[in-house]
Structures are given as C-alpha cells and as structure tokens.
Amino acid sequence: MARILRDEEAIRQWTEARGGAPVMMDVPEPGGGTSQLLQLTFGQHALNADHNEGADRPVPGFELAEWGDWIDALRRQDLVLVVDDDMDEGRQIDYRFMSSSEAQTLDLNGGD
C-alpha cells in the first residue's frame, strides 16, 4: 500500500532502511537562477565501486547530498515522498515525488 512521507525523519529512515541516500542536481532555470532536481539512490549506486576513497556519482550530474540540504529543497518545491512497500517479486524500490497539494487530495493511510 502506498503511503505519503512528509516528515524529515520518516523520509530518512525509509530511505536508509533500503540502503539509500539523497542526491541532487542543480538545474538552470529560464531567466536565471537554479533549482534542484531531487532523487534518491539505492544499493550499489551509493557505494564506492572504484575502491577510491570517495563515493561514485549515482547518475551523471547528480551529487550525493546532505539530508538537511535535500529536505530543504524538498520543502522549497512543496513536495512529499510517496512510497510503496508492497513489493512483488522482482520489483525495484518504489517511490515518487508529488506536490503537497496533490497529496492532500489522495486518501492514503499511514502517512508520516
């Protein structure tokens, strides 16, 4: 069953329990300035695959982020995290971002 995570600690616990970490990419906005593209990375992507003392980039352009910075960007963009823990065999970790206003219209039980 899908549930909505709003609370910083709930998001962090859900992600870290699955071996995940927050990542961000700065994206230029039309007319100047930048915004942050948010993502979570899981498993091998967050690990040091090159045996080189530093974490590898999960996807080109994304950088591992501090939780505080990532949560601040999530709040600035008025987003929540929707997660689904009902995983069928062979499915990957299931999550998506949704606007807070859209999330309020859904009837998902168990949100944090």
Protein backbone atom coordinates (compact mmCIF):
# COMPACT_ATOMS: atom_id res chain seq x y z
CA MET A 1 0.00 0.00 0.00
CA ALA A 2 1.28 3.43 -0.87
CA ARG A 3 1.84 5.97 1.87
CA ILE A 4 2.89 9.60 1.95
CA LEU A 5 6.01 10.64 3.85
CA ARG A 6 6.22 14.31 4.83
CA ASP A 7 8.33 14.17 7.97
CA GLU A 8 12.09 14.53 7.52
CA GLU A 9 12.92 11.69 9.90
CA ALA A 10 10.36 9.33 8.30
CA ILE A 11 11.81 10.01 4.84
CA ARG A 12 15.35 9.50 6.07
CA GLN A 13 14.52 6.26 7.92
CA TRP A 14 12.60 4.82 4.95
CA THR A 15 15.46 5.63 2.56
CA GLU A 16 18.32 4.47 4.78
CA ALA A 17 16.49 1.24 5.70
CA ARG A 18 16.72 0.36 1.99
CA GLY A 19 20.38 1.32 1.63
CA GLY A 20 19.53 4.67 0.04
CA ALA A 21 20.96 8.16 0.10
CA PRO A 22 19.77 11.58 -1.11
CA VAL A 23 21.18 13.06 -4.32
CA MET A 24 20.60 16.41 -6.05
CA MET A 25 21.44 18.13 -9.30
CA ASP A 26 21.43 21.89 -9.85
CA VAL A 27 19.36 22.73 -12.91
CA PRO A 28 19.42 26.17 -14.55
CA GLU A 29 16.06 27.92 -14.72
CA PRO A 30 14.91 30.04 -17.64
CA GLY A 31 15.60 33.66 -16.83
CA GLY A 32 18.44 32.85 -14.45
CA GLY A 33 18.87 31.10 -11.15
CA THR A 34 18.90 27.41 -10.42
CA SER A 35 16.63 24.83 -8.86
CA GLN A 36 17.44 21.41 -7.52
CA LEU A 37 16.38 18.16 -9.13
CA LEU A 38 15.89 15.65 -6.32
CA GLN A 39 16.39 11.91 -6.42
CA LEU A 40 17.20 9.02 -4.13
CA THR A 41 19.86 6.45 -4.95
CA PHE A 42 19.85 2.89 -3.65
CA GLY A 43 22.23 -0.03 -3.41
CA GLN A 44 25.43 -0.07 -5.44
CA HIS A 45 25.00 3.49 -6.69
CA ALA A 46 25.75 4.92 -3.27
CA LEU A 47 28.69 2.63 -2.64
CA ASN A 48 32.32 3.05 -3.57
CA ALA A 49 32.61 0.81 -6.64
CA ASP A 50 36.03 2.05 -7.77
CA HIS A 51 37.84 1.39 -4.47
CA ASN A 52 38.86 5.05 -4.43
CA GLU A 53 38.05 6.51 -1.01
CA GLY A 54 35.19 8.62 -2.41
CA ALA A 55 31.64 7.81 -3.34
CA ASP A 56 30.86 7.35 -7.01
CA ARG A 57 28.26 9.54 -8.67
CA PRO A 58 25.00 7.62 -8.99
CA VAL A 59 23.98 9.30 -12.26
CA PRO A 60 25.99 11.90 -14.18
CA GLY A 61 25.19 15.35 -12.82
CA PHE A 62 23.77 14.14 -9.52
CA GLU A 63 25.80 14.60 -6.36
CA LEU A 64 25.34 12.93 -3.01
CA ALA A 65 23.65 15.49 -0.76
CA GLU A 66 23.39 16.16 2.94
CA TRP A 67 19.98 15.27 4.30
CA GLY A 68 19.34 18.81 5.55
CA ASP A 69 20.02 20.35 2.13
CA TRP A 70 17.92 17.72 0.37
CA ILE A 71 14.96 18.19 2.74
CA ASP A 72 15.22 21.99 2.39
CA ALA A 73 14.96 21.62 -1.40
CA LEU A 74 12.01 19.23 -1.00
CA ARG A 75 10.21 21.80 1.16
CA ARG A 76 11.02 24.73 -1.19
CA GLN A 77 9.45 22.77 -4.03
CA ASP A 78 6.44 21.85 -1.84
CA LEU A 79 6.92 18.12 -2.43
CA VAL A 80 6.26 14.96 -0.44
CA LEU A 81 7.55 11.45 -0.96
CA VAL A 82 5.06 8.71 -1.85
CA VAL A 83 6.40 5.22 -1.14
CA ASP A 84 5.02 1.75 -1.75
CA ASP A 85 6.28 -1.05 0.45
CA ASP A 86 4.12 -3.74 -1.18
CA MET A 87 6.80 -5.09 -3.46
CA ASP A 88 6.09 -8.02 -5.74
CA GLU A 89 8.95 -10.35 -6.50
CA GLY A 90 11.44 -8.72 -8.86
CA ARG A 91 10.18 -5.13 -8.44
CA GLN A 92 12.56 -2.36 -7.53
CA ILE A 93 12.15 0.10 -4.66
CA ASP A 94 9.05 2.13 -5.47
CA TYR A 95 8.81 5.83 -4.67
CA ARG A 96 7.81 9.06 -6.37
CA PHE A 97 7.57 12.74 -5.61
CA MET A 98 4.24 14.52 -5.50
CA SER A 99 3.15 18.05 -4.75
CA SER A 100 1.81 18.55 -1.22
CA SER A 101 -1.48 19.85 -2.59
CA GLU A 102 -1.93 16.80 -4.81
CA ALA A 103 -1.10 14.51 -1.88
CA GLN A 104 -3.83 16.13 0.22
CA THR A 105 -6.44 15.03 -2.31
CA LEU A 106 -5.41 11.38 -2.04
CA ASP A 107 -6.75 9.04 0.58
CA LEU A 108 -3.55 7.22 1.55
CA ASN A 109 -3.45 5.82 5.05
CA GLY A 110 -0.34 5.62 7.17
CA GLY A 111 1.38 8.82 6.02
CA ASP A 112 4.11 10.40 8.12
